[in-house]
Amino acid sequence: MRVHLHPQRRTVEVDGRRSVGRLLAELGILPSTAMVIRRDELLTDGEMVEADDEIEIRAVISGGGPGAASSTRGSARPS
């Protein structure tokens, strides 16, 4: 299968059928840090990917927009 890794902009070839969890482990990627996508479908760790699949693995990035950490909107202010 062809695996596209983002944001690394790298593509690797992997032989054979395996679970998404096993694929991530073989690539050294923690499941909680990535989204695995086949066509337009988000896959879970237990789902199987086939040798002829084309897979995209995207890094999960969390955080707010500019100024999110310093925003006071919705936060409690001491009296």
N, C-alpha and C. Protein backbone atom coordinates (compact mmCIF):
# COMPACT_ATOMS: atom_id res chain seq x y z
N MET A 1 0.84 -1.17 0.00
CA MET A 1 0.00 0.00 0.00
C MET A 1 0.88 1.23 0.00
N ARG A 2 0.34 2.28 -0.52
CA ARG A 2 1.06 3.55 -0.54
C ARG A 2 0.54 4.38 0.63
N VAL A 3 1.48 4.87 1.46
CA VAL A 3 1.13 5.65 2.65
C VAL A 3 1.76 7.03 2.53
N HIS A 4 0.89 8.04 2.52
CA HIS A 4 1.34 9.43 2.45
C HIS A 4 1.35 9.99 3.87
N LEU A 5 2.50 10.48 4.31
CA LEU A 5 2.65 11.03 5.66
C LEU A 5 2.68 12.55 5.60
N HIS A 6 1.78 13.16 6.39
CA HIS A 6 1.71 14.62 6.45
C HIS A 6 1.86 15.05 7.89
N PRO A 7 2.56 16.05 8.25
CA PRO A 7 3.09 17.09 7.37
C PRO A 7 4.49 16.79 6.84
N GLN A 8 5.01 15.59 7.01
CA GLN A 8 6.37 15.27 6.58
C GLN A 8 6.55 15.31 5.06
N ARG A 9 5.45 15.27 4.33
CA ARG A 9 5.51 15.24 2.86
C ARG A 9 6.37 14.09 2.37
N ARG A 10 6.09 12.93 2.94
CA ARG A 10 6.86 11.72 2.62
C ARG A 10 5.87 10.62 2.25
N THR A 11 6.23 9.78 1.31
CA THR A 11 5.41 8.64 0.92
C THR A 11 6.23 7.38 1.08
N VAL A 12 5.62 6.36 1.70
CA VAL A 12 6.29 5.07 1.87
C VAL A 12 5.41 3.98 1.29
N GLU A 13 6.02 2.90 0.88
CA GLU A 13 5.32 1.72 0.39
C GLU A 13 5.37 0.65 1.48
N VAL A 14 4.23 0.05 1.77
CA VAL A 14 4.14 -1.00 2.79
C VAL A 14 3.45 -2.20 2.15
N ASP A 15 4.03 -3.38 2.31
CA ASP A 15 3.46 -4.60 1.72
C ASP A 15 2.47 -5.27 2.65
N GLY A 16 1.42 -5.81 2.08
CA GLY A 16 0.50 -6.67 2.82
C GLY A 16 -0.64 -5.95 3.53
N ARG A 17 -1.55 -6.80 4.01
CA ARG A 17 -2.75 -6.36 4.73
C ARG A 17 -2.43 -6.29 6.21
N ARG A 18 -2.96 -5.28 6.90
CA ARG A 18 -2.74 -5.16 8.35
C ARG A 18 -3.75 -4.20 8.94
N SER A 19 -3.84 -4.20 10.26
CA SER A 19 -4.74 -3.26 10.93
C SER A 19 -4.09 -1.88 10.93
N VAL A 20 -4.92 -0.87 11.08
CA VAL A 20 -4.42 0.50 11.17
C VAL A 20 -3.47 0.63 12.36
N GLY A 21 -3.84 0.04 13.50
CA GLY A 21 -3.00 0.09 14.69
C GLY A 21 -1.61 -0.50 14.44
N ARG A 22 -1.57 -1.63 13.75
CA ARG A 22 -0.29 -2.26 13.44
C ARG A 22 0.53 -1.41 12.47
N LEU A 23 -0.15 -0.84 11.47
CA LEU A 23 0.54 0.03 10.51
C LEU A 23 1.18 1.20 11.24
N LEU A 24 0.43 1.84 12.13
CA LEU A 24 0.98 2.97 12.87
C LEU A 24 2.18 2.55 13.72
N ALA A 25 2.06 1.40 14.39
CA ALA A 25 3.16 0.90 15.22
C ALA A 25 4.40 0.66 14.38
N GLU A 26 4.23 0.05 13.21
CA GLU A 26 5.36 -0.23 12.33
C GLU A 26 6.04 1.05 11.84
N LEU A 27 5.25 2.11 11.72
CA LEU A 27 5.80 3.39 11.27
C LEU A 27 6.30 4.24 12.43
N GLY A 28 6.13 3.74 13.66
CA GLY A 28 6.59 4.47 14.84
C GLY A 28 5.73 5.67 15.18
N ILE A 29 4.43 5.56 14.89
CA ILE A 29 3.49 6.66 15.13
C ILE A 29 2.51 6.26 16.22
N LEU A 30 2.37 7.09 17.24
CA LEU A 30 1.39 6.83 18.30
C LEU A 30 -0.01 7.09 17.76
N PRO A 31 -0.95 6.15 17.96
CA PRO A 31 -2.31 6.32 17.43
C PRO A 31 -3.00 7.61 17.86
N SER A 32 -2.71 8.09 19.06
CA SER A 32 -3.36 9.32 19.54
C SER A 32 -2.82 10.58 18.88
N THR A 33 -1.79 10.44 18.05
CA THR A 33 -1.18 11.61 17.42
C THR A 33 -1.47 11.69 15.92
N ALA A 34 -2.31 10.79 15.40
CA ALA A 34 -2.51 10.76 13.95
C ALA A 34 -3.94 10.41 13.57
N MET A 35 -4.34 10.90 12.40
CA MET A 35 -5.59 10.50 11.75
C MET A 35 -5.20 9.69 10.53
N VAL A 36 -5.86 8.55 10.34
CA VAL A 36 -5.58 7.70 9.19
C VAL A 36 -6.80 7.77 8.27
N ILE A 37 -6.57 8.12 7.02
CA ILE A 37 -7.65 8.38 6.08
C ILE A 37 -7.47 7.52 4.83
N ARG A 38 -8.58 6.87 4.42
CA ARG A 38 -8.61 6.12 3.15
C ARG A 38 -9.74 6.73 2.33
N ARG A 39 -9.40 7.26 1.17
CA ARG A 39 -10.34 8.04 0.36
C ARG A 39 -10.88 9.19 1.22
N ASP A 40 -12.14 9.22 1.53
CA ASP A 40 -12.70 10.27 2.39
C ASP A 40 -13.13 9.71 3.73
N GLU A 41 -12.63 8.54 4.10
CA GLU A 41 -13.06 7.84 5.31
C GLU A 41 -11.97 7.85 6.38
N LEU A 42 -12.34 8.31 7.58
CA LEU A 42 -11.43 8.29 8.72
C LEU A 42 -11.46 6.89 9.30
N LEU A 43 -10.29 6.27 9.49
CA LEU A 43 -10.19 4.88 9.96
C LEU A 43 -9.81 4.83 11.43
N THR A 44 -10.28 3.77 12.11
CA THR A 44 -9.92 3.54 13.51
C THR A 44 -8.83 2.48 13.59
N ASP A 45 -8.22 2.35 14.77
CA ASP A 45 -7.09 1.43 14.96
C ASP A 45 -7.39 -0.01 14.55
N GLY A 46 -8.61 -0.47 14.77
CA GLY A 46 -8.95 -1.86 14.50
C GLY A 46 -9.31 -2.18 13.07
N GLU A 47 -9.49 -1.17 12.25
CA GLU A 47 -9.88 -1.41 10.86
C GLU A 47 -8.69 -1.91 10.05
N MET A 48 -9.01 -2.69 9.02
CA MET A 48 -7.97 -3.27 8.18
C MET A 48 -7.73 -2.41 6.94
N VAL A 49 -6.47 -2.31 6.57
CA VAL A 49 -6.10 -1.67 5.31
C VAL A 49 -5.47 -2.74 4.43
N GLU A 50 -5.76 -2.65 3.15
CA GLU A 50 -5.35 -3.68 2.19
C GLU A 50 -4.08 -3.27 1.45
N ALA A 51 -3.43 -4.26 0.86
CA ALA A 51 -2.17 -4.03 0.15
C ALA A 51 -2.31 -3.04 -0.99
N ASP A 52 -3.50 -2.96 -1.60
CA ASP A 52 -3.68 -2.05 -2.74
C ASP A 52 -4.30 -0.70 -2.35
N ASP A 53 -4.43 -0.43 -1.04
CA ASP A 53 -4.99 0.84 -0.57
C ASP A 53 -3.99 1.98 -0.71
N GLU A 54 -4.52 3.17 -0.81
CA GLU A 54 -3.73 4.39 -0.71
C GLU A 54 -4.22 5.10 0.54
N ILE A 55 -3.31 5.30 1.49
CA ILE A 55 -3.64 5.80 2.83
C ILE A 55 -2.94 7.13 3.05
N GLU A 56 -3.62 7.99 3.79
CA GLU A 56 -3.03 9.26 4.19
C GLU A 56 -2.99 9.28 5.72
N ILE A 57 -1.83 9.61 6.28
CA ILE A 57 -1.70 9.74 7.73
C ILE A 57 -1.35 11.19 8.01
N ARG A 58 -2.25 11.85 8.75
CA ARG A 58 -2.08 13.26 9.09
C ARG A 58 -1.83 13.41 10.58
N ALA A 59 -0.88 14.24 10.94
CA ALA A 59 -0.60 14.53 12.35
C ALA A 59 -1.78 15.30 12.94
N VAL A 60 -2.14 14.94 14.17
CA VAL A 60 -3.19 15.65 14.89
C VAL A 60 -2.51 16.78 15.65
N ILE A 61 -2.96 17.98 15.40
CA ILE A 61 -2.37 19.15 16.05
C ILE A 61 -3.49 19.84 16.83
N SER A 62 -3.25 20.06 18.12
CA SER A 62 -4.27 20.73 18.93
C SER A 62 -3.77 22.09 19.34
N GLY A 63 -4.69 22.91 19.71
CA GLY A 63 -4.35 24.26 20.15
C GLY A 63 -5.31 25.24 19.56
N GLY A 64 -5.25 26.46 20.03
CA GLY A 64 -6.16 27.49 19.56
C GLY A 64 -5.52 28.35 18.50
N GLY A 65 -6.28 29.32 18.08
CA GLY A 65 -5.79 30.27 17.11
C GLY A 65 -4.93 31.31 17.79
N PRO A 66 -4.51 32.30 17.03
CA PRO A 66 -3.67 33.37 17.60
C PRO A 66 -4.36 34.03 18.80
N GLY A 67 -3.63 34.13 19.88
CA GLY A 67 -4.15 34.79 21.07
C GLY A 67 -5.09 33.94 21.91
N ALA A 68 -5.28 32.69 21.57
CA ALA A 68 -6.23 31.84 22.30
C ALA A 68 -5.83 31.68 23.76
N ALA A 69 -4.56 31.56 24.05
CA ALA A 69 -4.10 31.36 25.41
C ALA A 69 -4.27 32.62 26.25
N SER A 70 -4.23 33.79 25.61
CA SER A 70 -4.34 35.03 26.37
C SER A 70 -5.75 35.61 26.35
N SER A 71 -6.67 34.96 25.64
CA SER A 71 -8.03 35.46 25.54
C SER A 71 -8.73 35.37 26.90
N THR A 72 -9.51 36.40 27.22
CA THR A 72 -10.26 36.39 28.49
C THR A 72 -11.73 36.12 28.24
N ARG A 73 -12.14 35.97 27.00
CA ARG A 73 -13.53 35.68 26.68
C ARG A 73 -13.94 34.36 27.29
N GLY A 74 -15.02 34.37 28.05
CA GLY A 74 -15.55 33.14 28.62
C GLY A 74 -14.82 32.64 29.83
N SER A 75 -13.79 33.33 30.27
CA SER A 75 -13.06 32.85 31.44
C SER A 75 -13.51 33.62 32.68
N ALA A 76 -13.36 32.99 33.82
CA ALA A 76 -13.73 33.63 35.09
C ALA A 76 -12.64 34.60 35.48
N ARG A 77 -13.06 35.76 35.96
CA ARG A 77 -12.11 36.75 36.45
C ARG A 77 -12.26 36.89 37.95
N PRO A 78 -11.15 36.94 38.66
CA PRO A 78 -11.25 37.11 40.11
C PRO A 78 -11.84 38.47 40.44
N SER A 79 -12.64 38.54 41.52
CA SER A 79 -13.28 39.80 41.93
C SER A 79 -12.38 40.59 42.85
